[in-house]
Protein backbone atom coordinates (compact mmCIF):
# COMPACT_ATOMS: atom_id res chain seq x y z
CA MET A 1 2.94 11.36 151.14
CA THR A 2 0.65 14.04 149.77
CA ARG A 3 1.99 17.45 148.89
CA ARG A 4 -0.19 19.09 151.56
CA ARG A 5 1.05 16.80 154.33
CA TYR A 6 4.63 17.25 153.16
CA LEU A 7 4.36 21.05 153.30
CA MET A 8 2.75 20.94 156.76
CA LEU A 9 5.52 18.69 158.08
CA ALA A 10 8.16 20.91 156.47
CA LEU A 11 6.67 23.97 158.20
CA ALA A 12 6.62 22.17 161.57
CA ILE A 13 10.27 21.12 161.11
CA LEU A 14 11.24 24.68 160.24
CA ILE A 15 9.47 26.06 163.32
CA LEU A 16 11.19 23.50 165.53
CA GLY A 17 14.57 24.27 163.97
CA GLY A 18 14.04 28.01 164.32
CA THR A 19 13.09 27.66 167.98
CA LEU A 20 16.17 25.62 168.87
CA ARG A 21 18.44 28.11 167.12
CA SER A 22 16.94 31.37 168.35
CA LEU A 23 16.26 30.69 172.04
CA TRP A 24 18.80 32.34 174.39
CA LEU A 25 20.86 33.56 171.45
CA ARG A 26 23.29 35.44 173.72
CA ALA A 27 24.09 32.31 175.74
CA ASP A 28 27.57 30.82 175.81
CA PRO A 29 28.08 27.85 173.47
CA PRO A 30 28.72 24.44 175.05
CA VAL A 31 32.30 23.92 176.18
CA GLY A 32 34.37 21.13 174.66
CA SER A 33 32.45 19.29 171.97
CA PRO A 34 31.21 20.42 169.44
CA GLY A 35 34.32 22.57 169.45
CA ILE A 36 32.97 26.12 169.18
CA VAL A 37 35.60 28.73 170.09
CA TRP A 38 33.44 31.68 171.13
CA HIS A 39 36.21 34.29 171.17
CA ASP A 40 36.70 33.75 167.43
CA GLU A 41 33.29 35.33 166.76
CA GLY A 42 34.54 38.86 167.30
CA ALA A 43 37.70 38.18 165.32
CA TRP A 44 35.88 36.94 162.20
CA THR A 45 33.25 39.71 162.31
CA HIS A 46 35.96 42.36 162.77
CA ASN A 47 35.64 44.11 159.41
CA ALA A 48 31.84 43.99 159.45
CA ARG A 49 31.88 45.58 162.91
CA ASN A 50 34.33 48.23 161.71
CA GLY A 51 32.08 49.13 158.80
CA ALA A 52 28.95 49.30 160.93
CA LEU A 53 30.43 51.25 163.85
CA PHE A 54 33.12 53.42 162.29
CA ASP A 55 32.14 53.55 158.59
CA VAL A 56 35.55 52.16 157.62
CA TRP A 57 36.32 48.52 156.84
CA VAL A 58 40.04 48.44 157.64
CA THR A 59 41.36 49.81 160.93
CA ASP A 60 44.40 47.62 161.58
CA GLN A 61 46.37 44.72 160.09
CA TRP A 62 43.78 42.01 160.82
CA ASN A 63 41.25 41.94 158.00
CA PRO A 64 39.36 38.65 157.55
CA VAL A 65 37.27 40.26 154.81
CA PHE A 66 39.98 38.97 152.47
CA VAL A 67 39.40 35.42 153.74
CA ALA A 68 35.61 35.52 153.97
CA PRO A 69 34.13 38.35 151.90
CA VAL A 70 30.66 36.78 151.62
CA PHE A 71 30.43 36.11 155.36
CA THR A 72 31.69 39.62 156.13
CA ALA A 73 29.08 41.17 153.83
CA LEU A 74 26.25 39.20 155.46
CA GLU A 75 27.43 40.14 158.95
CA TYR A 76 27.70 43.79 157.91
CA GLY A 77 24.11 43.66 156.66
CA SER A 78 22.93 42.23 159.99
CA PHE A 79 24.82 44.91 161.94
CA ARG A 80 23.40 47.70 159.78
CA VAL A 81 19.83 46.44 160.24
CA PHE A 82 19.87 45.30 163.87
CA GLY A 83 22.90 47.06 165.36
CA VAL A 84 26.20 45.62 166.53
CA GLY A 85 25.95 42.96 169.20
CA THR A 86 26.22 39.28 170.04
CA TRP A 87 22.79 38.10 168.95
CA GLN A 88 22.95 40.32 165.88
CA ALA A 89 26.19 38.60 164.81
CA ARG A 90 24.55 35.21 165.36
CA VAL A 91 21.51 36.03 163.22
CA VAL A 92 23.53 35.21 160.08
CA PRO A 93 24.38 31.61 161.05
CA VAL A 94 20.84 31.10 162.38
CA ALA A 95 19.42 32.13 159.01
CA SER A 96 21.94 29.99 157.15
CA GLY A 97 21.09 26.98 159.30
CA LEU A 98 17.37 27.34 158.60
CA ALA A 99 18.05 27.81 154.89
CA ALA A 100 20.10 24.60 154.90
CA ILE A 101 17.12 22.68 156.32
CA ILE A 102 14.80 23.92 153.57
CA LEU A 103 17.36 23.33 150.84
CA LEU A 104 18.30 19.84 152.04
CA MET A 105 14.63 18.87 152.01
CA ALA A 106 14.23 20.25 148.50
CA GLY A 107 17.24 18.29 147.27
CA LEU A 108 16.13 15.07 148.94
CA ALA A 109 12.62 15.41 147.51
CA ALA A 110 14.17 15.76 144.04
CA VAL A 111 16.68 12.91 144.29
CA SER A 112 14.75 10.48 146.52
CA SER A 113 11.28 10.99 148.02
CA ARG A 114 9.21 13.29 150.21
CA ARG A 115 9.55 10.81 153.07
CA ALA A 116 13.33 11.02 152.76
CA ALA A 117 13.05 14.82 152.71
CA VAL A 118 11.04 14.85 155.95
CA ILE A 119 13.48 12.50 157.66
CA GLY A 120 16.48 14.51 156.47
CA GLY A 121 14.92 17.83 157.43
CA LEU A 122 14.01 16.57 160.91
CA LEU A 123 17.49 15.17 161.52
CA LEU A 124 19.20 18.37 160.35
CA ALA A 125 16.82 20.62 162.28
CA THR A 126 17.58 18.86 165.56
CA ASN A 127 21.19 17.69 165.19
CA PHE A 128 22.81 19.14 168.32
CA SER A 129 26.18 19.89 166.74
CA TRP A 130 24.58 21.57 163.72
CA VAL A 131 22.20 23.56 165.95
CA MET A 132 25.07 24.86 168.07
CA TRP A 133 27.19 25.81 165.07
CA ASN A 134 24.12 27.60 163.66
CA ARG A 135 24.19 29.73 166.83
CA ALA A 136 27.86 30.76 166.55
CA ALA A 137 28.94 33.77 164.48
CA LEU A 138 31.58 31.76 162.64
CA MET A 139 31.92 30.95 158.96
CA GLU A 140 31.36 27.18 158.98
CA SER A 141 27.56 27.30 159.21
CA THR A 142 27.18 29.79 156.35
CA MET A 143 29.75 28.04 154.15
CA THR A 144 28.01 24.71 154.62
CA ALA A 145 24.60 26.24 153.91
CA PHE A 146 25.87 27.40 150.51
CA ILE A 147 27.21 23.88 149.88
CA VAL A 148 23.78 22.46 150.70
CA ALA A 149 22.24 25.01 148.33
CA ALA A 150 24.63 23.94 145.58
CA TRP A 151 23.86 20.24 146.07
CA ALA A 152 20.09 20.82 146.22
CA CYS A 153 20.12 22.88 143.02
CA TYR A 154 22.30 20.24 141.34
CA ALA A 155 19.68 17.63 142.32
CA MET A 156 16.79 19.79 141.09
CA ALA A 157 18.61 20.36 137.79
CA ALA A 158 17.42 16.86 136.82
CA ARG A 159 13.97 18.44 136.38
CA ARG A 160 14.93 21.96 135.32
CA PRO A 161 18.53 22.14 134.07
CA ALA A 162 18.80 25.88 134.74
CA TRP A 163 19.01 25.06 138.45
CA GLY A 164 22.52 23.86 137.64
CA PHE A 165 23.63 27.44 137.06
CA ILE A 166 22.52 28.41 140.59
CA ALA A 167 24.37 25.33 141.90
CA GLY A 168 27.60 26.63 140.36
CA VAL A 169 27.07 30.14 141.76
CA ALA A 170 26.25 28.78 145.24
CA THR A 171 29.42 26.69 145.13
CA MET A 172 31.58 29.74 144.55
CA LEU A 173 29.72 31.68 147.25
CA ALA A 174 30.60 28.83 149.63
CA PHE A 175 34.26 29.11 148.61
CA PHE A 176 34.32 32.87 149.18
CA THR A 177 32.59 32.37 152.52
CA LYS A 178 35.44 30.10 153.56
CA ALA A 179 38.12 28.62 151.34
CA SER A 180 37.65 25.21 153.01
CA ALA A 181 34.86 24.73 150.48
CA ALA A 182 37.54 24.16 147.83
CA PHE A 183 36.87 20.42 148.18
CA PHE A 184 33.28 20.91 147.02
CA VAL A 185 34.37 23.06 144.09
CA ALA A 186 36.53 20.13 142.99
CA ALA A 187 33.76 17.59 143.66
CA ILE A 188 30.97 19.30 141.74
CA ALA A 189 33.32 20.28 138.88
CA ALA A 190 34.55 16.68 138.58
CA ASP A 191 31.03 15.23 138.49
CA ALA A 192 29.72 17.88 136.10
CA ILE A 193 32.64 17.42 133.69
CA THR A 194 32.19 13.65 133.84
CA THR A 195 28.46 13.92 133.17
CA VAL A 196 28.94 16.21 130.17
CA ALA A 197 31.76 14.02 128.81
CA LEU A 198 29.66 10.86 129.10
CA GLY A 199 26.87 12.57 127.20
CA GLN A 200 29.11 13.85 124.42
CA LEU A 201 31.63 11.01 124.05
CA PRO A 202 30.10 7.61 123.23
CA GLY A 203 33.56 6.05 123.06
CA LEU A 204 34.28 7.07 126.63
CA ARG A 205 30.97 5.60 127.77
CA ALA A 206 31.78 2.31 126.08
CA ARG A 207 35.26 2.19 127.57
CA LEU A 208 33.98 2.86 131.10
CA GLY A 209 30.86 0.74 130.68
CA MET A 210 28.64 3.58 131.89
CA ALA A 211 25.17 4.51 130.75
CA ALA A 212 24.53 7.76 128.92
CA PRO A 213 23.18 10.47 131.23
CA SER A 214 19.72 11.81 130.53
CA ARG A 215 19.45 14.98 128.49
CA GLU A 216 18.34 16.88 131.62
CA HIS A 217 21.29 15.61 133.67
CA GLU A 218 23.73 16.58 130.94
CA ARG A 219 22.26 20.05 130.53
CA GLY A 220 22.14 20.55 134.30
CA ALA A 221 25.83 19.64 134.58
CA ALA A 222 26.69 22.04 131.77
CA TRP A 223 24.75 24.83 133.50
CA ALA A 224 26.62 24.07 136.73
CA LEU A 225 29.97 24.51 134.99
CA ALA A 226 28.69 27.77 133.50
CA GLY A 227 27.64 28.96 136.96
CA LEU A 228 31.06 28.11 138.39
CA ALA A 229 32.81 30.00 135.61
CA ALA A 230 30.52 33.04 135.74
CA ALA A 231 30.67 33.44 139.53
CA SER A 232 34.45 32.96 139.55
CA LEU A 233 34.86 35.62 136.86
CA VAL A 234 32.62 38.18 138.56
CA ILE A 235 34.08 37.73 142.05
CA GLY A 236 37.61 37.55 140.65
CA VAL A 237 37.29 40.81 138.74
CA ALA A 238 35.31 42.65 141.41
CA PHE A 239 37.20 41.48 144.50
CA VAL A 240 40.19 39.17 144.10
CA VAL A 241 42.20 41.02 141.47
CA PRO A 242 41.86 44.51 143.07
CA HIS A 243 42.97 43.07 146.42
CA TRP A 244 45.33 40.36 145.17
CA ALA A 245 48.19 41.00 147.62
CA ASP A 246 45.91 40.78 150.66
CA TYR A 247 43.89 37.92 149.21
CA GLN A 248 47.02 35.88 148.47
CA PHE A 249 48.45 36.52 151.92
CA TYR A 250 45.35 35.58 153.89
CA ASN A 251 44.32 32.59 151.75
CA TRP A 252 47.75 31.08 151.12
CA GLU A 253 50.50 32.34 153.42
CA MET A 254 48.29 32.55 156.53
CA SER A 255 45.84 29.70 155.87
CA VAL A 256 48.10 27.10 154.19
CA GLU A 257 51.79 27.74 154.71
CA ARG A 258 51.60 28.21 158.49
CA LYS A 259 49.53 25.04 158.99
CA PRO A 260 50.99 21.65 160.05
CA SER A 261 53.63 20.02 157.88
CA TYR A 262 52.74 18.06 154.78
CA ASP A 263 55.29 15.23 154.94
CA LEU A 264 54.15 11.62 154.54
CA GLN A 265 54.10 10.88 158.28
CA SER A 266 51.93 13.94 158.97
CA LEU A 267 49.47 12.97 156.23
CA LYS A 268 49.30 9.44 157.60
CA ASP A 269 48.69 10.73 161.12
CA ARG A 270 45.92 13.08 160.04
CA ALA A 271 44.22 10.33 158.03
CA SER A 272 44.28 7.96 161.00
CA TRP A 273 42.89 10.67 163.31
CA LEU A 274 39.69 11.22 161.30
CA PRO A 275 37.26 9.16 163.43
CA ILE A 276 39.21 9.46 166.69
CA VAL A 277 40.71 12.88 167.32
CA GLN A 278 37.24 14.45 167.66
CA ASP A 279 33.89 12.92 168.66
CA PHE A 280 32.16 14.10 165.46
CA PHE A 281 31.24 10.66 164.09
CA THR A 282 30.63 9.27 167.60
CA ARG A 283 27.97 11.90 168.33
CA MET A 284 25.96 10.91 165.24
CA TRP A 285 26.95 7.27 164.94
CA LEU A 286 23.54 5.96 163.83
CA VAL A 287 23.47 8.57 161.06
CA ALA A 288 27.05 7.68 160.11
CA LEU A 289 26.08 4.01 159.91
CA GLY A 290 23.14 4.76 157.62
CA ALA A 291 25.29 7.08 155.51
CA THR A 292 27.98 4.38 155.18
CA ILE A 293 25.48 1.81 153.89
CA ALA A 294 24.04 4.39 151.50
CA MET A 295 27.51 5.32 150.18
CA LEU A 296 28.42 1.69 149.59
CA GLY A 297 25.16 1.27 147.68
CA VAL A 298 25.89 4.29 145.47
CA ILE A 299 29.48 3.14 144.87
CA ALA A 300 28.24 -0.34 143.92
CA ARG A 301 25.98 1.13 141.21
CA TRP A 302 28.22 4.07 140.36
CA ARG A 303 27.78 3.59 136.62
CA GLU A 304 24.01 4.02 136.89
CA ALA A 305 23.86 6.44 139.83
CA ARG A 306 22.38 9.89 139.30
CA PRO A 307 24.72 12.90 139.44
CA ALA A 308 23.27 14.20 142.73
CA GLU A 309 23.83 10.80 144.37
CA ARG A 310 27.41 10.68 143.17
CA LEU A 311 27.97 14.23 144.38
CA LEU A 312 26.88 13.28 147.91
CA VAL A 313 29.53 10.54 147.98
CA LEU A 314 32.15 12.88 146.53
CA TRP A 315 31.15 15.48 149.13
CA VAL A 316 32.22 13.06 151.88
CA PHE A 317 35.29 11.45 150.28
CA VAL A 318 36.84 14.57 148.75
CA GLY A 319 36.10 16.49 151.94
CA LEU A 320 37.86 13.87 154.07
CA LEU A 321 40.79 13.99 151.65
CA GLU A 322 41.01 17.75 152.19
CA LEU A 323 41.06 17.21 155.96
CA THR A 324 43.83 14.63 155.59
CA ILE A 325 45.92 17.09 153.59
CA HIS A 326 45.14 20.22 155.57
CA ASP A 327 43.88 19.70 159.12
CA SER A 328 41.86 16.87 160.70
CA GLY A 329 42.49 17.87 164.30
CA ASN A 330 40.06 20.80 164.53
CA TRP A 331 36.36 20.15 165.25
CA ARG A 332 35.24 22.99 162.99
CA ARG A 333 36.61 21.18 159.93
CA TYR A 334 33.95 18.47 160.29
CA VAL A 335 30.86 20.72 160.37
CA MET A 336 30.58 20.62 156.57
CA PHE A 337 29.87 16.86 156.65
CA ILE A 338 26.74 17.00 158.82
CA PRO A 339 24.21 17.70 156.02
CA ALA A 340 25.89 15.21 153.67
CA LEU A 341 25.79 12.34 156.17
CA ILE A 342 22.19 13.16 157.07
CA ALA A 343 21.17 13.32 153.39
CA LEU A 344 22.77 9.94 152.69
CA ALA A 345 21.14 8.32 155.74
CA ALA A 346 17.78 9.87 154.80
CA THR A 347 17.93 8.46 151.27
CA LEU A 348 18.49 5.02 152.76
CA ALA A 349 15.69 5.35 155.32
CA GLY A 350 13.21 7.23 153.20
CA SER A 351 13.38 5.67 149.76
CA GLY A 352 12.48 2.08 150.64
CA ALA A 353 15.17 0.93 148.21
CA ARG A 354 17.43 -2.07 148.78
CA TRP A 355 20.64 -1.39 150.64
CA LEU A 356 22.80 -2.88 147.89
CA PRO A 357 22.07 -3.70 144.23
CA GLU A 358 20.67 -7.20 143.65
CA GLY A 359 23.33 -8.26 141.15
CA LEU A 360 26.24 -7.36 143.43
CA ALA A 361 26.31 -10.82 145.02
CA THR A 362 27.55 -12.30 141.73
CA ALA A 363 30.09 -9.56 141.01
CA SER A 364 33.49 -10.60 139.69
CA TRP A 365 36.53 -10.84 141.91
CA ARG A 366 37.93 -7.82 140.13
CA SER A 367 34.92 -5.76 141.18
CA ARG A 368 35.10 -7.09 144.73
CA VAL A 369 38.76 -6.15 145.09
CA ALA A 370 38.08 -2.72 143.55
CA GLY A 371 35.49 -2.04 146.24
CA LEU A 372 37.69 -3.27 149.07
CA PRO A 373 39.41 0.10 149.83
CA PHE A 374 36.02 1.76 150.30
CA VAL A 375 34.89 -1.00 152.68
CA LEU A 376 38.13 -0.74 154.65
CA PHE A 377 38.04 3.04 154.94
CA LEU A 378 34.35 3.34 155.84
CA GLY A 379 34.70 0.43 158.24
CA TYR A 380 37.59 2.21 159.94
CA LEU A 381 35.46 5.34 160.35
CA LEU A 382 32.63 3.35 161.92
CA PHE A 383 34.77 1.20 164.20
CA GLY A 384 36.99 4.11 165.22
CA SER A 385 34.10 6.38 166.14
CA ALA A 386 32.27 3.56 167.97
CA LEU A 387 35.34 2.61 170.02
CA ARG A 388 36.45 6.18 170.70
CA PRO A 389 34.69 6.42 174.11
CA ALA A 390 36.67 3.40 175.31
CA PHE A 391 39.92 5.26 174.61
CA SER A 392 38.74 8.78 175.40
CA GLY A 393 40.70 8.99 178.65
CA ARG A 394 43.98 8.41 176.79
CA ILE A 395 43.30 10.28 173.57
CA GLY A 396 45.71 13.12 172.99
CA ILE A 397 48.33 14.08 170.44
CA GLY A 398 50.67 11.11 170.08
CA GLU A 399 48.39 8.80 172.09
CA TYR A 400 46.05 7.61 169.34
CA TYR A 401 47.83 4.40 168.48
CA PRO A 402 45.79 1.89 170.55
CA ALA A 403 42.53 3.26 169.16
CA VAL A 404 43.92 3.41 165.61
CA TRP A 405 45.30 -0.13 165.56
CA THR A 406 42.22 -1.64 167.22
CA SER A 407 39.84 0.07 164.79
CA ALA A 408 42.01 -0.75 161.79
CA GLY A 409 42.24 -4.40 162.85
CA LEU A 410 38.48 -4.69 163.19
CA SER A 411 37.98 -3.05 159.81
CA ILE A 412 40.40 -5.46 158.14
CA ALA A 413 38.76 -8.46 159.84
CA ALA A 414 35.31 -7.32 158.71
CA ALA A 415 36.52 -6.83 155.13
CA LEU A 416 38.12 -10.29 155.04
CA LEU A 417 34.94 -11.89 156.37
CA LEU A 418 32.96 -10.05 153.70
CA LEU A 419 35.25 -11.41 150.97
CA ALA A 420 35.19 -14.93 152.42
CA PHE A 421 31.39 -15.05 152.60
CA TRP A 422 30.70 -12.60 149.78
CA THR A 423 27.69 -14.24 148.15
CA ARG A 424 25.82 -14.96 151.36
CA SER A 425 26.56 -11.65 153.09
CA VAL A 426 25.97 -9.42 150.05
CA SER A 427 22.75 -11.28 149.25
CA TRP A 428 21.58 -10.58 152.80
CA PHE A 429 22.34 -6.85 152.48
CA SER A 430 20.75 -6.76 149.02
CA ALA A 431 17.49 -8.13 150.46
CA ARG A 432 17.28 -5.50 153.22
CA ARG A 433 15.13 -2.39 153.10
CA VAL A 434 14.33 0.20 155.75
CA THR A 435 10.60 0.06 156.38
CA ALA A 436 8.59 3.13 157.27
CA ALA A 437 8.24 1.87 160.86
CA ALA A 438 11.98 1.26 161.20
CA ALA A 439 12.74 4.67 159.72
CA GLY A 440 10.38 6.26 162.25
CA ILE A 441 12.01 4.46 165.17
CA LEU A 442 15.52 5.41 164.09
CA ALA A 443 14.48 9.03 163.54
CA ALA A 444 12.84 9.09 166.98
CA LEU A 445 16.01 7.72 168.62
CA SER A 446 18.13 10.37 166.93
CA LEU A 447 15.61 13.06 167.87
CA ALA A 448 15.58 11.99 171.53
CA TRP A 449 19.40 11.89 171.71
CA ASN A 450 19.89 15.33 170.19
CA LEU A 451 17.07 17.02 172.09
CA GLY A 452 18.47 15.49 175.27
CA LEU A 453 21.82 17.12 174.57
CA TYR A 454 20.08 20.42 173.88
CA VAL A 455 18.06 20.29 177.13
CA ARG A 456 21.21 19.47 179.12
CA TRP A 457 22.97 22.48 177.60
CA ALA A 458 19.98 24.79 178.06
CA SER A 459 19.48 23.84 181.72
CA ALA A 460 23.07 24.81 182.55
CA ARG A 461 23.50 27.69 180.10
CA THR A 462 25.29 30.90 181.07
CA GLU A 463 25.86 34.33 179.53
CA LEU A 464 29.30 34.98 180.98
CA ASN A 465 30.94 36.01 177.71
CA PHE A 466 28.14 38.43 176.85
CA ALA A 467 28.25 39.94 180.36
CA ALA A 468 32.05 40.30 180.16
CA SER A 469 31.78 42.21 176.89
CA VAL A 470 29.16 44.55 178.39
CA GLU A 471 31.29 45.15 181.50
CA LEU A 472 34.34 45.90 179.34
CA GLY A 473 32.31 48.61 177.61
CA ARG A 474 31.51 50.16 180.99
CA ARG A 475 35.19 50.33 181.91
CA LEU A 476 36.64 51.61 178.63
CA GLN A 477 35.58 54.59 176.56
CA PRO A 478 34.41 54.07 172.95
CA GLY A 479 37.37 54.04 170.59
CA THR A 480 39.86 52.80 173.20
CA LEU A 481 42.64 50.72 171.62
CA VAL A 482 43.04 47.26 173.21
CA GLN A 483 45.70 44.77 172.14
CA GLY A 484 45.21 40.98 171.89
CA LYS A 485 42.97 38.50 170.11
CA LEU A 486 40.62 38.34 173.09
CA ALA A 487 39.95 42.05 172.62
CA ASN A 488 38.23 41.07 169.35
CA GLY A 489 36.34 38.31 171.12
CA LEU A 490 34.93 40.70 173.72
CA ALA A 491 34.22 43.59 171.32
CA LEU A 492 30.67 42.85 170.19
CA GLU A 493 28.89 44.56 173.10
CA ASN A 494 31.00 47.72 173.21
CA GLN A 495 32.85 50.15 170.94
CA ILE A 496 36.51 49.53 171.74
CA ARG A 497 39.02 49.24 168.90
CA PRO A 498 40.66 45.81 169.19
CA ILE A 499 44.18 45.20 167.87
CA PHE A 500 44.37 41.53 166.89
CA VAL A 501 47.76 39.85 167.38
CA GLY A 502 48.40 36.47 165.76
CA ARG A 503 51.58 34.46 165.36
CA GLY A 504 53.04 35.77 162.10
CA PHE A 505 49.90 37.61 160.97
CA GLY A 506 47.53 40.32 162.09
CA ASN A 507 49.28 43.07 164.04
CA TYR A 508 52.28 40.84 164.74
CA ALA A 509 55.13 42.85 163.21
CA ASP A 510 54.67 45.91 165.44
CA ARG A 511 53.40 44.12 168.55
CA PHE A 512 56.34 45.38 170.64
CA ASP A 513 56.09 48.95 169.36
CA ARG A 514 52.47 49.80 170.12
CA ASP A 515 53.09 52.15 173.01
CA ASP A 516 50.01 54.02 171.85
CA VAL A 517 47.90 51.05 172.97
CA ARG A 518 47.55 51.20 176.71
CA TYR A 519 45.62 47.97 177.34
CA ILE A 520 45.96 44.25 176.66
CA LEU A 521 43.09 41.80 177.04
CA THR A 522 43.92 38.12 177.47
CA TYR A 523 43.16 35.03 179.52
CA ASP A 524 45.00 34.26 182.73
CA LEU A 525 42.96 31.09 183.35
CA PRO A 526 43.35 28.33 182.25
CA TRP A 527 46.71 30.00 181.54
CA GLU A 528 48.07 33.33 180.41
CA GLY A 529 47.56 33.86 176.69
CA TYR A 530 45.34 30.77 176.27
CA GLU A 531 43.61 32.26 173.22
CA SER A 532 46.88 32.61 171.28
CA GLN A 533 49.92 30.45 170.70
CA ARG A 534 51.82 29.93 173.94
CA GLY A 535 54.19 32.76 174.68
CA LEU A 536 52.72 35.32 172.28
CA ILE A 537 51.07 37.50 174.92
CA THR A 538 53.83 36.81 177.45
CA GLU A 539 56.41 38.17 175.00
CA ILE A 540 54.51 41.44 174.77
CA LEU A 541 53.98 41.75 178.52
CA GLU A 542 57.69 41.19 179.16
CA ARG A 543 58.34 44.48 177.37
CA TYR A 544 56.23 46.22 180.00
CA PRO A 545 57.55 44.94 183.35
CA ASN A 546 55.33 47.33 185.33
CA HIS A 547 52.08 46.15 183.74
CA GLN A 548 49.15 45.78 186.07
CA VAL A 549 45.86 43.85 185.99
CA ILE A 550 43.06 46.37 186.43
CA ALA A 551 40.00 44.18 185.86
CA THR A 552 39.01 40.52 185.63
CA PHE A 553 36.06 38.96 183.82
CA ASP A 554 34.58 35.49 184.24
CA VAL A 555 34.23 33.86 180.81
CA ASP A 556 33.32 30.38 179.58
CA GLU A 557 35.54 28.57 177.08
CA THR A 558 36.81 25.31 178.62
CA PRO A 559 35.34 22.76 181.05
CA ASP A 560 37.59 24.31 183.71
CA VAL A 561 37.50 27.79 185.26
CA ASP A 562 38.18 30.54 182.68
CA ARG A 563 39.03 34.16 183.35
CA ALA A 564 39.89 37.13 181.17
CA VAL A 565 42.08 39.97 182.46
CA LEU A 566 42.35 43.57 181.34
CA ILE A 567 45.96 44.68 181.74
CA ASP A 568 47.28 48.24 181.83
CA LYS A 569 50.66 48.25 180.08
CA HIS A 570 51.49 51.74 181.38
CA PRO A 571 50.09 51.95 184.90
CA ARG A 572 50.29 55.43 186.29
CA PRO A 573 52.48 55.78 189.39
CA ALA A 574 50.54 55.95 192.61
CA ARG A 575 50.12 59.49 193.80
CA ALA A 576 51.82 60.43 197.07
CA ALA A 577 49.38 61.07 199.88
CA ALA A 578 48.64 64.77 200.37
CA PRO A 579 50.26 66.17 203.52
CA GLY A 580 47.81 66.62 206.41
CA PRO A 581 47.66 69.46 208.89
CA PRO A 582 50.65 69.71 211.24
CA ARG A 583 50.21 67.67 214.40
CA ALA A 584 50.32 69.52 217.69
CA ARG A 585 53.29 68.73 219.88
CA ASP A 586 52.76 67.32 223.30
C-alpha cells in the first residue's frame, strides 16, 4: 500500500468516525448494552462545571477532580471555550475517540503494516460500543485514548526511541484520568524493565533463552521508564501531595475499600463472570476470535516477539486480572479492551503472517503444558461469549453457573483435543494466513454489523434527558440547591447547584441536616432512588414526611419507562381561600 493511498484511506476513516460520533450529540445513549449510565455525566463533570459557571472548583463534598484531574481539566477547557452544556461535555470524549483512531493506526503501521493499520482504524472508527462511549461525557473513553497513545508511542519507539518518553507520560495521564489504568502502568513498566534487563544482562538472556533486544528497543524502553518517572514526579508534586488527604480518600477509601469483597470465592466468581456477565465479547466476537489467535501466536514466540506485541498481550491479560480483583460486573470496565482486541485482530488480518510459528508443532511436552493455561483461559472467553445469548434469559447475579460450567467444559475439551492431536492441529494453524480478500470480507462483516447497530439506535433516538435538564432550568432559579445524585445528572443545561449524595461519600454525612436545601431530584420509575443504592433517597425523604412532588420529567435510562421527580422537602401550606362578599339572605 502506497503512502498516498494509506493517507487517503486514513482521512476517509477519520471522517467516517467523526461523523458517527458527532451526529445528534445531545441524544440519549442506548439503554442497556453498552452500559452507559447517562446521569453519571453530570456527576463526573461536576468540578469542571463549577469552575466554568461559578469560578470556584469546590462547592460541596463531592469533588471528582481528585479522582480524575486530567479529565476534569479537559472538560473545564471545553466548557470555557464552548459554554456549559450536554454536547460541550461530550466534545472531550469525541475528540479522545478520534485521537485513539489516529494513534492506533500509527502504532499498527509501526508494529505491523499499513494494511493492518487501515483495518484496525476502520474497525475502531465504527465499533458501536466504542462509538457510543466516545459520545458519553465519562472518563473511560479519554483514559483509553491515553492508553492507546502510550502503546502507539511505545511501538514507534522501535524507530525513534524518544517516542518511549511520550509513551511513559501518556501512561501516567491515563492513570490520572482514571485510576483503572493502573493495570497498564504495571504492564508497560514490566515490559520496559524486562527489555532493558535483557539488553544489559547477558546471563539473564541465556537463562531465559531469549534473544537480545535491538538497540532501538532497549533505548525506547529506557525512555518509557524515564517518562513514567518524570510524569509521576511532576503530577505528584503539583497535585497529589498538596491534596493528599482528598486524593487518598477518593482513590482508596471510596474507589477500593467500598467495592465488593476480596475473598477467594468473590475472586473466583468475578473471574468466571468475565465473558458472561456482560455482552462485551459477544458484541465483537469475530474481533475477539482474531485477537485470541493473534495472542496465542505472540505467546508462542514470546522470546522473539517485539516489545509492542508483548505489550498488547499484557494489555489484555493484566487488564482482565485487574477486573478479576476489582470489578468484572460493570460494563464500563471493559471499554479499555476495545482498542487492544482490535489491534491484535488487525495484526493477524493485515500482516499476512502465519497464525502460529512453524516450529511450534514439534514443541516439547513441557512447552505444550506451559501454554495450556492460556489456551484454557482464552477458550473459556470465546466459548462463554459465544454461548451467552443461549443463557441470556437466565443470567443474573447467582445464576451464571450453567453458562460457566458449559463454557468451561467446552474449553477443557478443546484443550484436550489440541494436546491429543498436537502435531496435526498445530501444523494446520501454522500453515494458515489471512489473505487480503479474507481480511476484506471479515472487515466488511464487522462494518455491516456495527453500522446496523448504529442505524437502529439512530432511528429510535430520543433527547429526553437533555429536554429534562432544560425544563429543570425553567422551573428553578440559577443557584438553587438541589439534593441527590440525579441533580448532578440533570445539571448540564441549567445553573442549579447540585448536592451529590452517595453511600458513605459525597454529601453523605450531613444528608439529614440540609434543611437549607429545599429540593430533592431522584427517580420514581423504575423505582424511587434508582440512581443510588436502595434506600438512600428514601432515608432522606422519611425525615420530611410532608414532602411533595412538584414536577416530573421523562428520562431514558433503562429499557422500561423511566421518570425523574423534583420533590419539595418543605412544601408551603396551602393558603386559605380569601373570604368572599357576604351572601344576601333569602
